[in-house]
Amino acid sequence: MSDSNDVDLIAQMTAGAKGTLIERMGIELVEVTPGRVVARMPVEGNTQPYGLLHGGASVVLAETVGSIAASLAAGKGRAAMGLEINSTHHRGVRSGTVTATATALSEGRSVATYDITIVDDEGRRVNTSRLTCVLRDAPTKAS
């Protein structure tokens, strides 16, 4: 169950995704809490020519939930930047939605690593990924 802080974080993150790949892929945040982020994505529109969910779409979803979790771990005035992602595709999906859950493996001052599982509507594992992000002071915008 989402509490009001969770809902506020989801609204804030969703507003920041306008015009980005997150919006283009149809990724919807479900839960945003320290150490755990959940999002879902439609299969339709994110397929390869054989009609299956594109592996790259799974990686985008995995990196999205992991990066959001790492951003929360980084804290105010700091940023998370992807350093490395690996991904194993277990099964094809042709329809419905897929849901990704990022769970913290390690959240330090300078590096955060997440285990990410993606499942289909029946709860079958579609993908397993691991994302490592470097945590650093947020870059300033160029004028």
N, C-alpha and C. Protein backbone atom coordinates (compact mmCIF):
# COMPACT_ATOMS: atom_id res chain seq x y z
N MET A 1 0.84 -1.19 0.00
CA MET A 1 0.00 0.00 0.00
C MET A 1 0.88 1.24 0.00
N SER A 2 0.56 2.21 -0.80
CA SER A 2 1.32 3.46 -0.88
C SER A 2 0.89 4.41 0.23
N ASP A 3 1.87 5.05 0.87
CA ASP A 3 1.52 6.11 1.81
C ASP A 3 1.63 7.45 1.08
N SER A 4 1.32 8.56 1.79
CA SER A 4 1.30 9.87 1.12
C SER A 4 2.67 10.28 0.62
N ASN A 5 3.75 9.92 1.35
CA ASN A 5 5.10 10.24 0.88
C ASN A 5 5.40 9.52 -0.42
N ASP A 6 4.98 8.25 -0.52
CA ASP A 6 5.16 7.45 -1.72
C ASP A 6 4.43 8.10 -2.89
N VAL A 7 3.19 8.53 -2.67
CA VAL A 7 2.38 9.17 -3.71
C VAL A 7 3.04 10.48 -4.14
N ASP A 8 3.56 11.26 -3.20
CA ASP A 8 4.24 12.51 -3.53
C ASP A 8 5.48 12.26 -4.38
N LEU A 9 6.27 11.23 -4.02
CA LEU A 9 7.47 10.90 -4.81
C LEU A 9 7.09 10.45 -6.21
N ILE A 10 6.04 9.64 -6.32
CA ILE A 10 5.60 9.19 -7.64
C ILE A 10 5.18 10.38 -8.49
N ALA A 11 4.40 11.30 -7.92
CA ALA A 11 3.96 12.49 -8.67
C ALA A 11 5.16 13.33 -9.10
N GLN A 12 6.12 13.50 -8.21
CA GLN A 12 7.32 14.29 -8.53
C GLN A 12 8.13 13.63 -9.63
N MET A 13 8.35 12.33 -9.54
CA MET A 13 9.13 11.61 -10.55
C MET A 13 8.40 11.58 -11.88
N THR A 14 7.08 11.41 -11.86
CA THR A 14 6.29 11.37 -13.09
C THR A 14 6.34 12.71 -13.80
N ALA A 15 6.23 13.80 -13.05
CA ALA A 15 6.30 15.14 -13.64
C ALA A 15 7.65 15.36 -14.31
N GLY A 16 8.72 14.86 -13.70
CA GLY A 16 10.06 15.01 -14.25
C GLY A 16 10.31 14.16 -15.48
N ALA A 17 9.42 13.20 -15.76
CA ALA A 17 9.60 12.30 -16.90
C ALA A 17 8.95 12.81 -18.19
N LYS A 18 8.26 13.94 -18.11
CA LYS A 18 7.59 14.48 -19.30
C LYS A 18 8.60 14.68 -20.43
N GLY A 19 8.27 14.15 -21.62
CA GLY A 19 9.12 14.32 -22.79
C GLY A 19 10.37 13.45 -22.80
N THR A 20 10.48 12.50 -21.87
CA THR A 20 11.66 11.63 -21.81
C THR A 20 11.34 10.24 -22.34
N LEU A 21 12.35 9.41 -22.39
CA LEU A 21 12.18 8.02 -22.82
C LEU A 21 11.20 7.28 -21.90
N ILE A 22 11.19 7.63 -20.63
CA ILE A 22 10.27 7.00 -19.67
C ILE A 22 8.83 7.19 -20.14
N GLU A 23 8.49 8.40 -20.53
CA GLU A 23 7.13 8.68 -21.02
C GLU A 23 6.88 7.98 -22.36
N ARG A 24 7.85 8.02 -23.25
CA ARG A 24 7.72 7.42 -24.57
C ARG A 24 7.47 5.91 -24.50
N MET A 25 8.09 5.27 -23.52
CA MET A 25 7.96 3.81 -23.37
C MET A 25 6.68 3.43 -22.61
N GLY A 26 6.00 4.42 -22.04
CA GLY A 26 4.77 4.16 -21.29
C GLY A 26 5.04 3.61 -19.90
N ILE A 27 6.20 3.91 -19.33
CA ILE A 27 6.56 3.42 -18.00
C ILE A 27 5.79 4.21 -16.95
N GLU A 28 5.14 3.47 -16.05
CA GLU A 28 4.33 4.07 -14.98
C GLU A 28 4.87 3.62 -13.63
N LEU A 29 5.20 4.58 -12.79
CA LEU A 29 5.69 4.25 -11.45
C LEU A 29 4.54 3.77 -10.58
N VAL A 30 4.80 2.70 -9.83
CA VAL A 30 3.80 2.11 -8.95
C VAL A 30 4.17 2.34 -7.49
N GLU A 31 5.44 2.20 -7.16
CA GLU A 31 5.92 2.36 -5.78
C GLU A 31 7.31 2.99 -5.82
N VAL A 32 7.51 4.00 -5.01
CA VAL A 32 8.82 4.65 -4.90
C VAL A 32 9.11 4.82 -3.42
N THR A 33 9.96 3.97 -2.88
CA THR A 33 10.36 4.05 -1.48
C THR A 33 11.87 3.84 -1.41
N PRO A 34 12.50 4.31 -0.35
CA PRO A 34 13.95 4.07 -0.23
C PRO A 34 14.26 2.58 -0.30
N GLY A 35 15.18 2.22 -1.19
CA GLY A 35 15.60 0.83 -1.34
C GLY A 35 14.72 -0.04 -2.21
N ARG A 36 13.60 0.50 -2.69
CA ARG A 36 12.69 -0.30 -3.52
C ARG A 36 11.87 0.61 -4.43
N VAL A 37 11.91 0.31 -5.74
CA VAL A 37 11.11 1.05 -6.72
C VAL A 37 10.44 0.03 -7.64
N VAL A 38 9.15 0.23 -7.90
CA VAL A 38 8.36 -0.65 -8.76
C VAL A 38 7.72 0.18 -9.86
N ALA A 39 7.78 -0.32 -11.10
CA ALA A 39 7.13 0.35 -12.23
C ALA A 39 6.63 -0.70 -13.21
N ARG A 40 5.65 -0.32 -13.99
CA ARG A 40 5.14 -1.23 -15.03
C ARG A 40 5.22 -0.54 -16.38
N MET A 41 5.21 -1.38 -17.42
CA MET A 41 5.33 -0.89 -18.79
C MET A 41 4.49 -1.77 -19.70
N PRO A 42 3.79 -1.18 -20.67
CA PRO A 42 3.03 -2.01 -21.61
C PRO A 42 3.97 -2.73 -22.57
N VAL A 43 3.57 -3.92 -22.95
CA VAL A 43 4.33 -4.65 -23.98
C VAL A 43 4.05 -4.02 -25.34
N GLU A 44 2.78 -3.71 -25.59
CA GLU A 44 2.40 -3.09 -26.86
C GLU A 44 3.17 -1.79 -27.07
N GLY A 45 3.75 -1.66 -28.26
CA GLY A 45 4.54 -0.48 -28.58
C GLY A 45 6.00 -0.61 -28.21
N ASN A 46 6.35 -1.67 -27.47
CA ASN A 46 7.73 -1.91 -27.04
C ASN A 46 8.22 -3.29 -27.49
N THR A 47 7.81 -3.67 -28.69
CA THR A 47 8.15 -5.00 -29.21
C THR A 47 9.19 -4.92 -30.32
N GLN A 48 9.76 -6.07 -30.62
CA GLN A 48 10.66 -6.20 -31.77
C GLN A 48 9.85 -6.79 -32.92
N PRO A 49 10.43 -6.95 -34.11
CA PRO A 49 9.65 -7.37 -35.29
C PRO A 49 8.91 -8.70 -35.15
N TYR A 50 9.31 -9.58 -34.24
CA TYR A 50 8.61 -10.86 -34.06
C TYR A 50 7.41 -10.75 -33.14
N GLY A 51 7.14 -9.55 -32.65
CA GLY A 51 5.99 -9.34 -31.79
C GLY A 51 6.25 -9.59 -30.31
N LEU A 52 7.50 -9.86 -29.96
CA LEU A 52 7.86 -10.08 -28.56
C LEU A 52 8.38 -8.79 -27.94
N LEU A 53 8.26 -8.67 -26.62
CA LEU A 53 8.84 -7.54 -25.92
C LEU A 53 10.31 -7.42 -26.30
N HIS A 54 10.72 -6.24 -26.70
CA HIS A 54 12.10 -6.00 -27.11
C HIS A 54 13.00 -6.09 -25.89
N GLY A 55 14.12 -6.78 -26.01
CA GLY A 55 15.06 -6.89 -24.90
C GLY A 55 15.57 -5.54 -24.44
N GLY A 56 15.75 -4.62 -25.38
CA GLY A 56 16.19 -3.28 -25.03
C GLY A 56 15.15 -2.55 -24.20
N ALA A 57 13.86 -2.82 -24.45
CA ALA A 57 12.80 -2.20 -23.66
C ALA A 57 12.88 -2.69 -22.21
N SER A 58 13.18 -3.97 -22.03
CA SER A 58 13.35 -4.50 -20.68
C SER A 58 14.51 -3.82 -19.97
N VAL A 59 15.60 -3.58 -20.69
CA VAL A 59 16.77 -2.92 -20.10
C VAL A 59 16.43 -1.47 -19.74
N VAL A 60 15.67 -0.79 -20.59
CA VAL A 60 15.24 0.58 -20.27
C VAL A 60 14.41 0.58 -19.00
N LEU A 61 13.48 -0.35 -18.88
CA LEU A 61 12.64 -0.43 -17.69
C LEU A 61 13.49 -0.72 -16.45
N ALA A 62 14.42 -1.67 -16.58
CA ALA A 62 15.30 -2.02 -15.45
C ALA A 62 16.15 -0.82 -15.03
N GLU A 63 16.74 -0.14 -16.00
CA GLU A 63 17.59 1.00 -15.65
C GLU A 63 16.76 2.14 -15.06
N THR A 64 15.54 2.28 -15.49
CA THR A 64 14.68 3.33 -14.94
C THR A 64 14.41 3.10 -13.46
N VAL A 65 13.95 1.91 -13.09
CA VAL A 65 13.64 1.68 -11.67
C VAL A 65 14.90 1.71 -10.80
N GLY A 66 15.99 1.15 -11.32
CA GLY A 66 17.25 1.18 -10.56
C GLY A 66 17.80 2.57 -10.39
N SER A 67 17.73 3.38 -11.44
CA SER A 67 18.24 4.75 -11.37
C SER A 67 17.42 5.62 -10.44
N ILE A 68 16.11 5.42 -10.43
CA ILE A 68 15.26 6.18 -9.50
C ILE A 68 15.60 5.79 -8.06
N ALA A 69 15.77 4.51 -7.81
CA ALA A 69 16.15 4.06 -6.46
C ALA A 69 17.50 4.66 -6.07
N ALA A 70 18.45 4.67 -7.00
CA ALA A 70 19.77 5.22 -6.71
C ALA A 70 19.71 6.72 -6.47
N SER A 71 18.84 7.41 -7.19
CA SER A 71 18.67 8.85 -6.97
C SER A 71 18.17 9.14 -5.57
N LEU A 72 17.26 8.31 -5.09
CA LEU A 72 16.78 8.47 -3.71
C LEU A 72 17.91 8.21 -2.72
N ALA A 73 18.73 7.21 -3.00
CA ALA A 73 19.86 6.89 -2.12
C ALA A 73 20.91 7.99 -2.13
N ALA A 74 21.08 8.64 -3.28
CA ALA A 74 22.08 9.70 -3.40
C ALA A 74 21.75 10.87 -2.48
N GLY A 75 20.48 11.21 -2.39
CA GLY A 75 20.04 12.29 -1.51
C GLY A 75 20.00 13.64 -2.19
N LYS A 76 19.53 14.62 -1.44
CA LYS A 76 19.34 15.98 -1.96
C LYS A 76 20.68 16.59 -2.40
N GLY A 77 20.65 17.23 -3.59
CA GLY A 77 21.85 17.88 -4.11
C GLY A 77 22.85 16.92 -4.73
N ARG A 78 22.45 15.64 -4.83
CA ARG A 78 23.34 14.64 -5.41
C ARG A 78 22.60 13.93 -6.55
N ALA A 79 23.33 13.23 -7.38
CA ALA A 79 22.74 12.56 -8.54
C ALA A 79 23.30 11.15 -8.66
N ALA A 80 22.51 10.30 -9.30
CA ALA A 80 22.93 8.93 -9.60
C ALA A 80 23.13 8.82 -11.10
N MET A 81 24.23 8.21 -11.49
CA MET A 81 24.51 8.01 -12.91
C MET A 81 24.88 6.55 -13.13
N GLY A 82 24.21 5.94 -14.11
CA GLY A 82 24.45 4.54 -14.40
C GLY A 82 25.90 4.27 -14.74
N LEU A 83 26.45 3.24 -14.13
CA LEU A 83 27.84 2.87 -14.35
C LEU A 83 27.91 1.56 -15.14
N GLU A 84 27.03 0.62 -14.78
CA GLU A 84 27.04 -0.69 -15.44
C GLU A 84 25.68 -1.35 -15.25
N ILE A 85 25.20 -1.99 -16.33
CA ILE A 85 23.97 -2.79 -16.22
C ILE A 85 24.21 -4.11 -16.95
N ASN A 86 23.72 -5.19 -16.35
CA ASN A 86 23.72 -6.47 -17.08
C ASN A 86 22.31 -7.02 -16.99
N SER A 87 21.95 -7.80 -17.99
CA SER A 87 20.56 -8.20 -18.12
C SER A 87 20.46 -9.58 -18.74
N THR A 88 19.63 -10.42 -18.15
CA THR A 88 19.37 -11.75 -18.68
C THR A 88 17.88 -11.85 -19.01
N HIS A 89 17.58 -12.21 -20.25
CA HIS A 89 16.19 -12.35 -20.71
C HIS A 89 15.80 -13.82 -20.57
N HIS A 90 14.73 -14.09 -19.81
CA HIS A 90 14.33 -15.46 -19.51
C HIS A 90 13.19 -15.98 -20.39
N ARG A 91 12.26 -15.12 -20.75
CA ARG A 91 11.11 -15.57 -21.55
C ARG A 91 10.55 -14.41 -22.36
N GLY A 92 9.91 -14.75 -23.46
CA GLY A 92 9.28 -13.75 -24.30
C GLY A 92 7.89 -13.40 -23.80
N VAL A 93 7.47 -12.18 -24.10
CA VAL A 93 6.12 -11.72 -23.74
C VAL A 93 5.55 -11.03 -24.96
N ARG A 94 4.29 -11.34 -25.30
CA ARG A 94 3.66 -10.77 -26.49
C ARG A 94 2.59 -9.72 -26.19
N SER A 95 2.06 -9.71 -24.97
CA SER A 95 0.97 -8.78 -24.66
C SER A 95 0.93 -8.48 -23.17
N GLY A 96 0.07 -7.55 -22.82
CA GLY A 96 -0.11 -7.20 -21.42
C GLY A 96 0.91 -6.18 -20.95
N THR A 97 1.29 -6.31 -19.70
CA THR A 97 2.28 -5.42 -19.11
C THR A 97 3.37 -6.23 -18.45
N VAL A 98 4.48 -5.59 -18.22
CA VAL A 98 5.55 -6.19 -17.42
C VAL A 98 5.81 -5.25 -16.25
N THR A 99 6.19 -5.82 -15.13
CA THR A 99 6.42 -5.05 -13.91
C THR A 99 7.84 -5.29 -13.42
N ALA A 100 8.56 -4.20 -13.18
CA ALA A 100 9.94 -4.28 -12.70
C ALA A 100 10.00 -3.84 -11.24
N THR A 101 10.80 -4.56 -10.47
CA THR A 101 11.03 -4.22 -9.07
C THR A 101 12.53 -4.14 -8.84
N ALA A 102 12.99 -2.96 -8.42
CA ALA A 102 14.39 -2.75 -8.07
C ALA A 102 14.51 -2.83 -6.56
N THR A 103 15.43 -3.66 -6.10
CA THR A 103 15.69 -3.82 -4.67
C THR A 103 17.16 -3.57 -4.42
N ALA A 104 17.45 -2.76 -3.43
CA ALA A 104 18.84 -2.40 -3.13
C ALA A 104 19.64 -3.63 -2.69
N LEU A 105 20.80 -3.79 -3.30
CA LEU A 105 21.79 -4.77 -2.84
C LEU A 105 22.81 -4.07 -1.95
N SER A 106 23.16 -2.84 -2.35
CA SER A 106 24.13 -2.03 -1.59
C SER A 106 23.90 -0.57 -1.92
N GLU A 107 23.79 0.26 -0.89
CA GLU A 107 23.64 1.70 -1.09
C GLU A 107 24.68 2.41 -0.22
N GLY A 108 25.79 2.78 -0.84
CA GLY A 108 26.85 3.47 -0.13
C GLY A 108 26.86 4.95 -0.45
N ARG A 109 27.91 5.62 -0.04
CA ARG A 109 28.02 7.07 -0.29
C ARG A 109 28.33 7.36 -1.75
N SER A 110 29.10 6.49 -2.40
CA SER A 110 29.51 6.78 -3.78
C SER A 110 29.03 5.77 -4.82
N VAL A 111 28.55 4.61 -4.39
CA VAL A 111 28.09 3.58 -5.33
C VAL A 111 26.84 2.91 -4.76
N ALA A 112 25.88 2.63 -5.63
CA ALA A 112 24.67 1.90 -5.25
C ALA A 112 24.41 0.82 -6.30
N THR A 113 24.02 -0.37 -5.84
CA THR A 113 23.76 -1.50 -6.74
C THR A 113 22.39 -2.09 -6.43
N TYR A 114 21.66 -2.44 -7.50
CA TYR A 114 20.29 -2.93 -7.37
C TYR A 114 20.07 -4.22 -8.14
N ASP A 115 19.29 -5.10 -7.53
CA ASP A 115 18.80 -6.31 -8.19
C ASP A 115 17.43 -5.93 -8.75
N ILE A 116 17.21 -6.23 -10.03
CA ILE A 116 15.96 -5.84 -10.67
C ILE A 116 15.34 -7.08 -11.31
N THR A 117 14.09 -7.35 -10.96
CA THR A 117 13.37 -8.45 -11.59
C THR A 117 12.20 -7.86 -12.37
N ILE A 118 11.95 -8.44 -13.53
CA ILE A 118 10.81 -8.04 -14.36
C ILE A 118 9.95 -9.28 -14.55
N VAL A 119 8.66 -9.13 -14.26
CA VAL A 119 7.73 -10.25 -14.40
C VAL A 119 6.58 -9.86 -15.32
N ASP A 120 5.92 -10.88 -15.88
CA ASP A 120 4.75 -10.63 -16.73
C ASP A 120 3.49 -10.57 -15.86
N ASP A 121 2.34 -10.46 -16.50
CA ASP A 121 1.08 -10.34 -15.76
C ASP A 121 0.75 -11.57 -14.92
N GLU A 122 1.34 -12.71 -15.26
CA GLU A 122 1.12 -13.94 -14.49
C GLU A 122 2.18 -14.12 -13.40
N GLY A 123 3.08 -13.16 -13.26
CA GLY A 123 4.12 -13.25 -12.24
C GLY A 123 5.32 -14.09 -12.64
N ARG A 124 5.38 -14.48 -13.93
CA ARG A 124 6.53 -15.26 -14.41
C ARG A 124 7.69 -14.33 -14.71
N ARG A 125 8.88 -14.74 -14.28
CA ARG A 125 10.08 -13.90 -14.49
C ARG A 125 10.40 -13.82 -15.97
N VAL A 126 10.52 -12.58 -16.44
CA VAL A 126 10.84 -12.28 -17.83
C VAL A 126 12.32 -11.90 -17.95
N ASN A 127 12.83 -11.20 -16.95
CA ASN A 127 14.18 -10.65 -17.02
C ASN A 127 14.74 -10.47 -15.62
N THR A 128 16.05 -10.65 -15.51
CA THR A 128 16.77 -10.32 -14.28
C THR A 128 17.91 -9.40 -14.68
N SER A 129 18.03 -8.28 -13.98
CA SER A 129 19.09 -7.32 -14.28
C SER A 129 19.77 -6.89 -12.98
N ARG A 130 20.97 -6.37 -13.13
CA ARG A 130 21.68 -5.75 -12.00
C ARG A 130 22.23 -4.43 -12.50
N LEU A 131 21.98 -3.37 -11.75
CA LEU A 131 22.42 -2.03 -12.12
C LEU A 131 23.30 -1.47 -11.02
N THR A 132 24.44 -0.90 -11.43
CA THR A 132 25.32 -0.19 -10.50
C THR A 132 25.38 1.26 -10.95
N CYS A 133 25.16 2.16 -10.00
CA CYS A 133 25.21 3.60 -10.26
C CYS A 133 26.27 4.24 -9.38
N VAL A 134 26.93 5.24 -9.93
CA VAL A 134 27.83 6.07 -9.14
C VAL A 134 26.99 7.21 -8.58
N LEU A 135 27.23 7.57 -7.33
CA LEU A 135 26.50 8.65 -6.66
C LEU A 135 27.47 9.80 -6.47
N ARG A 136 27.09 10.98 -6.93
CA ARG A 136 27.98 12.14 -6.85
C ARG A 136 27.19 13.42 -6.72
N ASP A 137 27.88 14.51 -6.50
CA ASP A 137 27.21 15.80 -6.43
C ASP A 137 26.50 16.05 -7.76
N ALA A 138 25.30 16.61 -7.70
CA ALA A 138 24.53 16.87 -8.91
C ALA A 138 25.25 17.89 -9.78
N PRO A 139 25.29 17.64 -11.08
CA PRO A 139 25.92 18.62 -11.98
C PRO A 139 25.06 19.89 -12.03
N THR A 140 25.70 21.02 -12.24
CA THR A 140 24.97 22.27 -12.40
C THR A 140 24.62 22.44 -13.86
N LYS A 141 23.49 23.07 -14.12
CA LYS A 141 23.06 23.30 -15.50
C LYS A 141 23.89 24.40 -16.11
N ALA A 142 24.29 24.19 -17.36
CA ALA A 142 25.03 25.22 -18.10
C ALA A 142 24.06 26.32 -18.49
N SER A 143 24.54 27.57 -18.47
CA SER A 143 23.65 28.67 -18.85
C SER A 143 23.73 28.96 -20.32
